[in-house]
N, C-alpha and C. Protein backbone atom coordinates (compact mmCIF):
# COMPACT_ATOMS: atom_id res chain seq x y z
N MET A 1 103.76 102.93 91.98
CA MET A 1 104.19 104.18 92.24
C MET A 1 104.89 104.69 90.93
N ALA A 2 105.74 103.86 90.43
CA ALA A 2 106.59 104.15 89.33
C ALA A 2 105.60 104.60 88.01
N ARG A 3 104.67 103.90 87.83
CA ARG A 3 103.59 104.00 86.71
C ARG A 3 103.13 105.53 86.97
N ILE A 4 102.68 105.54 88.04
CA ILE A 4 102.19 107.16 88.19
C ILE A 4 103.08 108.19 88.05
N HIS A 5 104.29 108.04 88.44
CA HIS A 5 105.29 108.77 88.37
C HIS A 5 105.74 109.24 86.94
N ALA A 6 105.77 107.92 86.21
CA ALA A 6 106.11 108.11 84.79
C ALA A 6 104.96 108.96 84.02
N GLN A 7 103.87 108.88 84.43
CA GLN A 7 102.79 109.50 83.73
C GLN A 7 102.76 111.14 84.01
N SER A 8 103.45 111.45 85.20
CA SER A 8 103.43 112.83 85.48
C SER A 8 104.57 113.46 85.31
N PHE A 9 105.62 112.77 84.93
CA PHE A 9 107.05 113.42 84.86
C PHE A 9 107.58 112.98 83.56
N ALA A 10 108.34 113.85 82.90
CA ALA A 10 109.16 113.47 81.71
C ALA A 10 110.23 112.35 82.10
N GLU A 11 110.80 112.46 83.19
CA GLU A 11 111.83 111.76 83.62
C GLU A 11 111.32 110.98 84.89
N GLY A 12 110.51 109.76 84.57
CA GLY A 12 109.93 109.05 85.82
C GLY A 12 111.04 108.21 86.43
N TRP A 13 110.62 108.07 87.87
CA TRP A 13 111.58 107.09 88.87
C TRP A 13 111.07 105.83 88.61
N SER A 14 112.11 104.95 88.60
CA SER A 14 111.79 103.37 88.72
C SER A 14 111.30 102.91 89.90
N GLU A 15 110.78 101.70 90.26
CA GLU A 15 110.22 101.39 91.43
C GLU A 15 111.50 101.27 92.37
N ASP A 16 112.79 100.83 92.00
CA ASP A 16 113.92 100.84 92.79
C ASP A 16 114.34 102.11 93.36
N GLU A 17 114.09 103.12 92.51
CA GLU A 17 114.58 104.44 92.90
C GLU A 17 113.56 104.94 93.97
N ILE A 18 112.36 104.75 93.83
CA ILE A 18 111.11 105.20 94.66
C ILE A 18 111.54 104.44 96.05
N GLU A 19 111.72 103.17 95.83
CA GLU A 19 112.12 102.37 97.29
C GLU A 19 113.08 102.81 98.05
N ARG A 20 114.28 103.17 97.19
CA ARG A 20 115.21 103.71 97.98
C ARG A 20 115.17 105.24 98.44
N ILE A 21 114.37 106.01 97.89
CA ILE A 21 114.11 107.39 98.40
C ILE A 21 113.06 107.14 99.73
N ILE A 22 112.17 106.44 99.68
CA ILE A 22 111.20 106.06 100.60
C ILE A 22 112.11 105.48 101.85
N ASP A 23 112.96 104.60 101.62
CA ASP A 23 113.84 103.93 102.83
C ASP A 23 114.70 105.16 103.41
N ARG A 24 114.88 106.44 102.92
CA ARG A 24 115.90 107.24 103.61
C ARG A 24 115.32 107.72 104.98
N PRO A 25 116.36 107.86 105.65
CA PRO A 25 115.89 108.46 107.17
C PRO A 25 115.15 109.80 106.97
N ASN A 26 114.28 110.18 107.72
CA ASN A 26 113.51 111.40 107.77
C ASN A 26 112.67 111.63 106.60
N THR A 27 112.27 110.46 105.91
CA THR A 27 111.27 110.50 104.71
C THR A 27 109.99 110.18 105.19
N THR A 28 109.02 110.94 104.71
CA THR A 28 107.73 110.56 104.99
C THR A 28 106.82 110.27 103.53
N SER A 29 106.21 109.15 103.47
CA SER A 29 105.54 108.99 102.25
C SER A 29 104.16 108.58 102.44
N LEU A 30 103.14 109.02 101.63
CA LEU A 30 101.87 108.59 101.93
C LEU A 30 101.21 108.26 100.55
N VAL A 31 100.35 107.27 100.55
CA VAL A 31 99.70 106.85 99.36
C VAL A 31 98.16 107.13 99.57
N ALA A 32 97.48 107.28 98.47
CA ALA A 32 95.93 107.48 98.50
C ALA A 32 95.55 106.18 97.68
N ILE A 33 94.70 105.52 98.24
CA ILE A 33 93.95 104.36 97.57
C ILE A 33 92.44 104.75 97.74
N ARG A 34 91.77 104.72 96.50
CA ARG A 34 90.23 104.95 96.60
C ARG A 34 89.55 103.44 96.56
N ASP A 35 88.68 103.55 97.37
CA ASP A 35 87.73 102.33 97.54
C ASP A 35 87.21 101.96 96.17
N GLY A 36 87.35 100.76 95.81
CA GLY A 36 86.69 100.44 94.71
C GLY A 36 87.29 100.74 93.41
N PHE A 37 88.41 101.38 93.60
CA PHE A 37 89.35 101.81 92.46
C PHE A 37 90.36 100.68 91.95
N ALA A 38 89.95 100.07 90.99
CA ALA A 38 90.87 99.06 90.49
C ALA A 38 91.31 98.13 91.43
N ASN A 39 90.26 97.71 92.39
CA ASN A 39 90.92 96.60 93.33
C ASN A 39 92.01 97.16 94.21
N GLY A 40 91.87 98.46 94.71
CA GLY A 40 92.77 99.06 95.57
C GLY A 40 93.91 99.44 95.07
N GLN A 41 94.11 99.77 93.75
CA GLN A 41 95.34 100.44 93.19
C GLN A 41 95.62 101.87 93.87
N ILE A 42 96.87 101.99 93.79
CA ILE A 42 97.29 103.45 94.32
C ILE A 42 96.82 104.45 93.29
N GLU A 43 96.02 105.41 93.96
CA GLU A 43 95.55 106.65 93.16
C GLU A 43 96.76 107.67 93.09
N GLY A 44 97.48 107.86 94.04
CA GLY A 44 98.29 108.84 93.97
C GLY A 44 99.32 108.62 95.35
N PHE A 45 100.35 109.55 95.29
CA PHE A 45 101.26 109.37 96.41
C PHE A 45 101.97 110.70 96.70
N VAL A 46 102.59 110.93 97.87
CA VAL A 46 103.54 112.23 98.02
C VAL A 46 104.69 111.54 98.91
N ILE A 47 105.88 111.99 98.63
CA ILE A 47 107.14 111.82 99.30
C ILE A 47 107.59 113.13 99.87
N ALA A 48 107.87 113.08 101.14
CA ALA A 48 108.54 114.39 101.66
C ALA A 48 109.87 114.09 102.46
N GLN A 49 110.83 115.03 102.53
CA GLN A 49 111.98 114.67 103.27
C GLN A 49 112.24 115.76 104.20
N ALA A 50 112.55 115.47 105.41
CA ALA A 50 112.67 116.56 106.38
C ALA A 50 114.20 116.70 106.84
N ALA A 51 114.74 117.82 107.31
CA ALA A 51 116.02 118.26 107.67
C ALA A 51 115.73 119.22 108.63
N ALA A 52 116.02 119.20 109.94
CA ALA A 52 115.97 120.06 111.09
C ALA A 52 114.36 120.29 111.10
N ASP A 53 114.07 121.70 110.93
CA ASP A 53 112.51 121.96 111.23
C ASP A 53 112.06 122.26 109.80
N GLU A 54 112.56 122.03 108.77
CA GLU A 54 112.16 122.17 107.36
C GLU A 54 111.98 120.67 106.74
N ALA A 55 111.11 120.83 105.70
CA ALA A 55 110.91 119.67 104.95
C ALA A 55 110.63 120.08 103.37
N GLU A 56 110.73 119.07 102.50
CA GLU A 56 110.86 119.48 101.03
C GLU A 56 109.88 118.28 100.44
N ILE A 57 108.86 118.54 99.60
CA ILE A 57 108.19 117.71 98.72
C ILE A 57 109.14 117.13 97.80
N LEU A 58 109.58 115.95 97.75
CA LEU A 58 110.37 115.55 96.73
C LEU A 58 109.67 115.13 95.69
N SER A 59 108.47 114.58 95.74
CA SER A 59 107.53 114.13 94.46
C SER A 59 106.10 114.17 95.02
N ILE A 60 105.29 114.37 94.26
CA ILE A 60 103.77 114.22 94.42
C ILE A 60 103.12 113.92 93.09
N ALA A 61 102.21 112.72 92.92
CA ALA A 61 101.74 112.55 91.60
C ALA A 61 100.44 111.66 91.93
N VAL A 62 99.57 111.94 90.93
CA VAL A 62 98.19 111.34 91.00
C VAL A 62 97.94 110.68 89.59
N ASP A 63 97.52 109.49 89.68
CA ASP A 63 97.11 108.65 88.44
C ASP A 63 96.32 109.70 87.47
N GLN A 64 96.74 109.69 86.13
CA GLN A 64 96.24 110.38 85.22
C GLN A 64 94.80 110.38 84.98
N PHE A 65 94.01 109.32 85.26
CA PHE A 65 92.58 109.31 85.20
C PHE A 65 92.03 109.65 86.61
N ARG A 66 92.62 110.14 87.60
CA ARG A 66 91.99 110.54 88.87
C ARG A 66 92.31 112.02 89.19
N ARG A 67 92.96 112.66 88.29
CA ARG A 67 93.31 114.00 88.60
C ARG A 67 92.25 115.02 88.65
N ARG A 68 92.37 115.95 89.45
CA ARG A 68 91.31 116.86 89.83
C ARG A 68 89.98 116.46 90.42
N GLY A 69 90.42 115.23 91.22
CA GLY A 69 89.27 114.52 92.02
C GLY A 69 89.50 114.75 93.52
N GLY A 70 90.67 115.57 93.90
CA GLY A 70 90.69 115.78 95.32
C GLY A 70 91.83 114.93 96.04
N ALA A 71 92.31 114.06 95.23
CA ALA A 71 93.45 113.29 95.77
C ALA A 71 94.69 114.03 95.94
N GLY A 72 95.07 114.93 95.15
CA GLY A 72 96.36 115.86 95.38
C GLY A 72 96.18 116.73 96.63
N TRP A 73 94.90 117.27 96.82
CA TRP A 73 94.58 118.21 97.90
C TRP A 73 94.78 117.25 99.29
N ALA A 74 93.97 116.15 99.20
CA ALA A 74 94.01 115.22 100.39
C ALA A 74 95.51 114.70 100.75
N LEU A 75 96.24 114.47 99.57
CA LEU A 75 97.78 114.06 99.95
C LEU A 75 98.50 115.24 100.64
N MET A 76 98.40 116.33 99.98
CA MET A 76 99.17 117.42 100.59
C MET A 76 98.66 117.75 101.98
N ASP A 77 97.27 117.68 102.41
CA ASP A 77 96.79 118.06 103.62
C ASP A 77 97.35 117.11 104.55
N CYS A 78 97.19 115.68 104.30
CA CYS A 78 97.79 114.69 105.18
C CYS A 78 99.13 114.79 105.41
N VAL A 79 100.03 115.08 104.35
CA VAL A 79 101.49 115.06 104.71
C VAL A 79 101.95 116.35 105.48
N MET A 80 101.11 117.43 105.19
CA MET A 80 101.52 118.74 106.16
C MET A 80 101.18 118.53 107.61
N ARG A 81 100.03 117.76 107.84
CA ARG A 81 99.66 117.41 109.20
C ARG A 81 100.56 116.44 109.78
N GLN A 82 101.02 115.63 108.98
CA GLN A 82 102.05 114.64 109.58
C GLN A 82 103.41 115.20 109.96
N LEU A 83 103.97 116.23 108.97
CA LEU A 83 105.06 116.89 109.11
C LEU A 83 104.85 117.85 110.31
N HIS A 84 103.69 118.50 110.44
CA HIS A 84 103.53 119.32 111.57
C HIS A 84 103.51 118.70 112.91
N SER A 85 103.15 117.54 112.89
CA SER A 85 103.06 116.85 114.17
C SER A 85 104.55 116.19 114.57
N ASP A 86 105.36 116.28 113.40
CA ASP A 86 106.79 115.74 113.60
C ASP A 86 107.57 117.20 113.83
N ARG A 87 107.14 118.26 114.15
CA ARG A 87 107.46 119.30 114.44
C ARG A 87 108.29 120.20 113.42
N ILE A 88 107.90 119.92 112.17
CA ILE A 88 108.48 120.71 110.95
C ILE A 88 107.60 122.07 110.84
N LYS A 89 108.33 122.92 110.54
CA LYS A 89 107.89 124.43 110.67
C LYS A 89 107.57 124.98 109.18
N THR A 90 108.39 124.51 108.35
CA THR A 90 108.42 125.11 107.07
C THR A 90 108.38 123.96 105.93
N LEU A 91 107.69 123.93 104.79
CA LEU A 91 107.68 123.17 103.87
C LEU A 91 107.88 123.65 102.51
N PHE A 92 108.83 123.20 101.62
CA PHE A 92 109.07 123.69 100.46
C PHE A 92 108.77 122.66 99.49
N LEU A 93 108.59 123.21 98.12
CA LEU A 93 108.35 122.38 96.91
C LEU A 93 108.88 122.98 95.60
N GLU A 94 108.99 122.23 94.63
CA GLU A 94 109.15 122.87 93.30
C GLU A 94 108.08 122.24 92.41
N VAL A 95 107.74 123.28 91.50
CA VAL A 95 106.78 122.84 90.43
C VAL A 95 107.02 123.43 89.09
N ASP A 96 106.59 122.63 88.15
CA ASP A 96 106.93 123.27 86.82
C ASP A 96 105.86 124.36 86.28
N GLU A 97 106.47 125.45 86.15
CA GLU A 97 105.45 126.56 85.98
C GLU A 97 104.38 126.37 84.91
N LYS A 98 104.46 125.36 84.00
CA LYS A 98 103.49 125.08 83.00
C LYS A 98 102.41 124.19 83.60
N ASN A 99 102.78 123.50 84.89
CA ASN A 99 101.54 122.80 85.26
C ASN A 99 100.75 123.74 86.18
N GLN A 100 99.87 124.31 85.44
CA GLN A 100 98.89 125.24 86.11
C GLN A 100 98.07 124.80 87.26
N GLY A 101 97.39 123.51 86.86
CA GLY A 101 96.73 122.76 87.91
C GLY A 101 97.36 122.75 89.28
N ALA A 102 98.69 122.23 89.22
CA ALA A 102 99.44 121.96 90.43
C ALA A 102 99.91 123.39 90.93
N VAL A 103 100.04 124.55 90.28
CA VAL A 103 100.44 125.89 90.70
C VAL A 103 99.27 126.24 91.45
N GLU A 104 98.10 126.03 90.99
CA GLU A 104 96.96 126.59 91.53
C GLU A 104 96.69 126.02 92.89
N LEU A 105 96.81 124.53 92.96
CA LEU A 105 96.58 123.73 94.16
C LEU A 105 97.42 124.20 95.18
N TYR A 106 98.70 124.37 94.85
CA TYR A 106 99.70 124.91 95.86
C TYR A 106 99.42 126.17 96.40
N ARG A 107 98.88 127.11 95.50
CA ARG A 107 98.52 128.55 95.97
C ARG A 107 97.34 128.48 97.07
N ARG A 108 96.26 127.58 96.64
CA ARG A 108 95.11 127.37 97.34
C ARG A 108 95.58 126.85 98.76
N LEU A 109 96.52 125.92 98.70
CA LEU A 109 97.01 125.25 99.93
C LEU A 109 97.79 126.23 100.78
N GLY A 110 98.22 127.43 100.45
CA GLY A 110 98.92 128.51 101.00
C GLY A 110 100.35 128.70 100.78
N PHE A 111 100.70 128.08 99.78
CA PHE A 111 102.19 128.13 99.18
C PHE A 111 102.38 129.33 98.58
N ARG A 112 103.52 130.02 98.75
CA ARG A 112 103.83 131.17 97.93
C ARG A 112 105.19 130.97 97.41
N LYS A 113 105.36 131.75 95.99
CA LYS A 113 106.64 131.52 95.19
C LYS A 113 107.64 132.24 96.08
N VAL A 114 108.88 131.64 96.16
CA VAL A 114 109.81 132.24 96.68
C VAL A 114 111.21 132.25 95.91
N GLY A 115 111.02 131.60 94.85
CA GLY A 115 112.05 131.47 93.80
C GLY A 115 111.89 130.88 92.56
N GLU A 116 113.01 130.58 91.72
CA GLU A 116 112.59 129.78 90.55
C GLU A 116 113.98 129.26 89.93
N ARG A 117 113.92 128.37 89.05
CA ARG A 117 114.95 127.87 88.45
C ARG A 117 114.73 127.78 86.92
N PRO A 118 115.37 128.41 86.22
CA PRO A 118 115.17 128.45 84.88
C PRO A 118 115.62 127.28 84.20
N GLY A 119 114.86 126.68 83.24
CA GLY A 119 115.17 125.54 82.34
C GLY A 119 115.31 124.29 83.09
N TYR A 120 114.80 124.19 84.23
CA TYR A 120 114.87 123.18 85.27
C TYR A 120 114.12 121.79 84.76
N TYR A 121 112.91 121.97 84.47
CA TYR A 121 112.04 121.00 83.80
C TYR A 121 112.35 120.53 82.18
N ARG A 122 112.37 119.28 81.70
CA ARG A 122 112.41 119.01 80.49
C ARG A 122 111.10 118.39 79.97
N ALA A 123 110.50 118.79 79.10
CA ALA A 123 109.39 118.19 78.32
C ALA A 123 109.73 117.01 77.52
N PRO A 124 108.87 116.24 77.23
CA PRO A 124 109.09 115.14 76.21
C PRO A 124 109.55 115.43 74.97
N ASP A 125 109.24 116.76 74.56
CA ASP A 125 109.49 117.32 73.24
C ASP A 125 110.86 117.90 73.33
N GLY A 126 111.39 117.89 74.43
CA GLY A 126 112.90 118.56 74.68
C GLY A 126 112.79 119.88 75.01
N SER A 127 111.77 120.68 75.26
CA SER A 127 111.62 121.98 75.73
C SER A 127 111.97 122.18 76.99
N ARG A 128 112.31 123.30 77.64
CA ARG A 128 112.51 123.46 78.93
C ARG A 128 111.62 124.37 79.63
N SER A 129 111.36 124.30 80.81
CA SER A 129 110.51 125.20 81.62
C SER A 129 111.20 125.60 83.08
N ARG A 130 110.56 126.52 83.53
CA ARG A 130 111.26 126.81 84.99
C ARG A 130 110.48 126.17 85.97
N ALA A 131 111.18 125.91 86.86
CA ALA A 131 110.60 125.41 88.35
C ALA A 131 110.51 126.48 89.28
N LEU A 132 109.18 126.71 89.66
CA LEU A 132 108.98 127.68 90.84
C LEU A 132 109.13 126.93 92.12
N THR A 133 109.87 127.65 92.98
CA THR A 133 110.23 127.24 94.38
C THR A 133 109.16 127.96 95.17
N MET A 134 108.25 127.02 95.85
CA MET A 134 107.20 127.51 96.80
C MET A 134 107.51 127.02 98.23
N ARG A 135 106.89 127.91 99.01
CA ARG A 135 107.07 127.64 100.43
C ARG A 135 105.90 128.17 101.25
N ARG A 136 105.61 127.08 102.37
CA ARG A 136 104.56 127.54 103.43
C ARG A 136 104.87 127.10 104.63
N ASP A 137 104.61 127.94 105.60
CA ASP A 137 104.86 127.51 107.08
C ASP A 137 103.66 126.51 107.42
N ILE A 138 104.06 125.63 108.10
CA ILE A 138 102.96 124.74 108.59
C ILE A 138 103.23 124.64 110.17
């Protein structure tokens, strides 16, 4: 999971960090494994954390060679179904405004922009970009 996270974010999480996050109370994590994909290697993952009747996507990432193949959609669909069954009513996430593929995916999934954080994300070249805060009722 750390390898996929590092492919997706300038500041990737280590395996230990991911394990600590997954072990937190009220955390839901799902992985996508494609049949025949490199002997069952993880294709992508999503981690969400709930508090009361709300949850936040802490991270979602898909292997760089498997993007735009439906894994992101499937992970989000599955995590929203799981959170709904856990009686979560609202789901939040933050996404880099420059990640147009992800922004469009979230819009197609019914998320709407409710805020932004200027300069939140740092690119490998040191430039900064806004985080869009998005929300969806589930």
